[in-house]
Structure formats: C-alpha cells, structure tokens
Amino acid sequence: MAVAVEVGGDGYSIGIRTGYLVASSSMIYAKVSYQMRNFEYEHSNSYVPDDELVSGSLSQDEDFSGLGIGIGAEQQFEQIPLALRVEAMLIEYDDEEVGDEMLNRTYDADDPFKTVDISDDEGSSATPTEVNVNLQAVYRF
C-alpha cells in the first residue's frame, strides 16, 4: 500500500493504492484519490455596430474537488532503480458545476454584451468528469 501527494499548477491530489505482485518485479493495483482542480474560463467577443468596434469578455473561475478511482500496473527493472508505471483514472468532481454563470444567459441581438439570466430548469450546466491515462517513469532511491 502506498500514499502519494501530487501538486500541480492547477491543483493537487492525494491517493492511496493497493496492489498484487504478479511477478517479483511486476505489480497491478487499484487506486482511490481525492483531487482538487482550478478551472478558469474566459470568453471574449467583438462586434461592429454602426462602424464602431465594441468588445467585451466574460470570465469564470471555479475550484472543483472530487473522488477518483483507477487501475494501474508497475514494472520495476531489475538492474536499475527505475520503474515504469501506467495508470488510468476516472475522477468525478461533485462540488461545483461548470456553466452556472456562463450558460444560463441569453443575449440581446442588438447588444451581445447585455445578458439576462435565465432559469436552469433545462439542466444546462454539467458536473465535470476527468478521465486520464498516465505513463510515468519512477526513480527509486
């Protein structure tokens, strides 16, 4: 069993994995992790009514957290302190919804930057899901 903490520019994760040795230097494992990510979205628009350039932008900045599950395999090389790892993860972010501020708007044809909030009865926002596959080289001291 191993515990790992990963910190990246846009978030971090902490995970635990447990596995089975299929050979003296090969392991398959399952992993559970907690992920935190930052999502930034910006949309800019320009148009020319009556020969005058008008521009504007909308932006959204959200933090997402969620649980991930995955599977992987690791091969330790016999002669050198290096291992090769491949891992697939599915992360369901559950505390925020993409689109709360950006998708629930309607636009005026005469002024694209004038917005009116509309109801979310249609379910226009979506809970984000991340799927990733990693190939890693691990150096063991």
Protein backbone atom coordinates (compact mmCIF):
# COMPACT_ATOMS: atom_id res chain seq x y z
CA MET A 1 0.00 0.00 0.00
CA ALA A 2 1.30 3.46 -0.87
CA VAL A 3 0.13 7.01 -0.26
CA ALA A 4 1.08 9.76 -2.71
CA VAL A 5 0.54 13.51 -2.80
CA GLU A 6 0.83 15.30 -6.14
CA VAL A 7 0.84 19.07 -6.52
CA GLY A 8 0.42 20.70 -9.91
CA GLY A 9 -0.01 24.22 -11.18
CA ASP A 10 -3.78 23.90 -11.32
CA GLY A 11 -4.47 21.68 -8.33
CA TYR A 12 -3.39 18.72 -6.25
CA SER A 13 -4.32 15.14 -5.49
CA ILE A 14 -3.79 12.69 -2.67
CA GLY A 15 -4.24 8.99 -3.29
CA ILE A 16 -3.82 5.54 -1.88
CA ARG A 17 -3.17 2.40 -3.88
CA THR A 18 -3.14 -1.27 -3.07
CA GLY A 19 -1.90 -3.97 -5.37
CA TYR A 20 -0.94 -7.52 -6.10
CA LEU A 21 2.51 -8.75 -7.18
CA VAL A 22 2.04 -10.82 -10.33
CA ALA A 23 5.81 -11.42 -10.54
CA SER A 24 8.78 -10.41 -8.40
CA SER A 25 9.07 -7.09 -10.24
CA SER A 26 5.54 -6.56 -11.64
CA MET A 27 2.50 -5.25 -9.81
CA ILE A 28 -1.10 -4.45 -10.69
CA TYR A 29 -3.03 -2.13 -8.41
CA ALA A 30 -6.22 -0.21 -7.71
CA LYS A 31 -6.13 3.42 -6.64
CA VAL A 32 -8.51 5.81 -4.87
CA SER A 33 -7.72 9.51 -4.75
CA TYR A 34 -9.07 12.91 -3.79
CA GLN A 35 -8.50 15.62 -6.43
CA MET A 36 -8.68 19.41 -6.28
CA ARG A 37 -8.54 21.41 -9.53
CA ASN A 38 -8.90 25.06 -10.55
CA PHE A 39 -10.90 25.83 -13.69
CA GLU A 40 -10.62 29.20 -15.43
CA TYR A 41 -12.72 30.14 -18.43
CA GLU A 42 -12.72 33.39 -20.37
CA HIS A 43 -14.75 34.26 -23.45
CA SER A 44 -14.09 37.42 -25.45
CA ASN A 45 -16.33 38.83 -28.14
CA SER A 46 -16.16 41.79 -30.51
CA TYR A 47 -18.64 43.18 -32.97
CA VAL A 48 -19.06 46.33 -35.09
CA PRO A 49 -22.46 48.04 -34.91
CA ASP A 50 -22.69 51.31 -36.83
CA ASP A 51 -18.94 51.32 -37.72
CA GLU A 52 -17.86 51.33 -34.06
CA LEU A 53 -15.87 48.43 -32.57
CA VAL A 54 -17.37 47.11 -29.34
CA SER A 55 -15.71 44.34 -27.36
CA GLY A 56 -16.09 42.67 -24.00
CA SER A 57 -15.45 39.47 -22.13
CA LEU A 58 -16.99 37.09 -19.63
CA SER A 59 -14.93 35.00 -17.23
CA GLN A 60 -15.44 32.28 -14.66
CA ASP A 61 -13.03 30.88 -12.07
CA GLU A 62 -14.09 27.80 -10.08
CA ASP A 63 -12.43 25.26 -7.81
CA PHE A 64 -13.51 21.63 -8.15
CA SER A 65 -12.92 18.70 -5.83
CA GLY A 66 -13.89 15.09 -6.20
CA LEU A 67 -13.04 11.44 -5.77
CA GLY A 68 -11.17 9.36 -8.30
CA ILE A 69 -10.82 5.64 -8.89
CA GLY A 70 -8.32 3.93 -11.10
CA ILE A 71 -6.26 0.92 -12.02
CA GLY A 72 -2.62 0.61 -12.92
CA ALA A 73 0.39 -1.58 -13.47
CA GLU A 74 4.02 -1.06 -12.47
CA GLN A 75 7.15 -2.81 -13.73
CA GLN A 76 10.33 -2.50 -11.64
CA PHE A 77 13.53 -3.01 -13.62
CA GLU A 78 15.93 -5.49 -12.02
CA GLN A 79 19.30 -3.86 -12.80
CA ILE A 80 18.46 -0.17 -12.29
CA PRO A 81 16.41 1.70 -9.65
CA LEU A 82 13.76 2.66 -12.19
CA ALA A 83 10.14 1.58 -12.58
CA LEU A 84 7.66 2.15 -15.38
CA ARG A 85 4.04 2.78 -14.39
CA VAL A 86 0.85 3.08 -16.45
CA GLU A 87 -2.35 4.22 -14.77
CA ALA A 88 -5.93 5.08 -15.78
CA MET A 89 -8.11 7.26 -13.54
CA LEU A 90 -11.74 8.42 -13.56
CA ILE A 91 -12.43 11.49 -11.40
CA GLU A 92 -15.94 12.77 -10.65
CA TYR A 93 -15.93 16.37 -9.45
CA ASP A 94 -19.03 16.93 -7.39
CA ASP A 95 -18.99 20.25 -5.56
CA GLU A 96 -19.31 22.72 -8.46
CA GLU A 97 -21.00 22.81 -11.82
CA VAL A 98 -19.49 24.20 -14.98
CA GLY A 99 -21.78 26.71 -16.55
CA ASP A 100 -23.59 28.11 -13.53
CA GLU A 101 -22.58 31.63 -14.53
CA MET A 102 -21.81 31.24 -18.23
CA LEU A 103 -24.51 29.00 -19.70
CA ASN A 104 -27.57 30.45 -18.00
CA ARG A 105 -27.65 33.62 -20.08
CA THR A 106 -29.47 34.87 -23.12
CA TYR A 107 -28.13 37.59 -25.37
CA ASP A 108 -29.76 40.67 -26.87
CA ALA A 109 -29.35 40.74 -30.68
CA ASP A 110 -28.65 44.48 -30.62
CA ASP A 111 -26.08 44.29 -27.81
CA PRO A 112 -24.25 40.94 -27.41
CA PHE A 113 -22.75 42.07 -24.09
CA LYS A 114 -26.11 42.72 -22.48
CA THR A 115 -27.14 39.48 -20.78
CA VAL A 116 -30.22 38.34 -18.93
CA ASP A 117 -30.11 35.40 -16.53
CA ILE A 118 -32.48 32.55 -17.37
CA SER A 119 -33.64 29.69 -15.19
CA ASP A 120 -31.74 26.42 -15.03
CA ASP A 121 -34.84 24.22 -15.40
CA GLU A 122 -33.39 22.62 -18.52
CA GLY A 123 -30.25 21.41 -16.72
CA SER A 124 -27.91 23.47 -18.88
CA SER A 125 -24.91 23.02 -16.61
CA ALA A 126 -22.85 19.86 -16.31
CA THR A 127 -20.88 18.26 -13.50
CA PRO A 128 -17.30 17.86 -14.74
CA THR A 129 -15.64 14.47 -15.08
CA GLU A 130 -11.96 13.89 -15.79
CA VAL A 131 -10.54 10.76 -17.40
CA ASN A 132 -6.78 10.48 -17.68
CA VAL A 133 -4.19 7.90 -18.58
CA ASN A 134 -0.64 8.41 -17.29
CA LEU A 135 2.65 6.82 -18.25
CA GLN A 136 5.29 7.51 -15.60
CA ALA A 137 8.92 6.68 -15.00
CA VAL A 138 9.64 6.35 -11.27
CA TYR A 139 13.17 6.56 -9.86
CA ARG A 140 13.66 4.67 -6.59
CA PHE A 141 16.41 5.79 -4.21
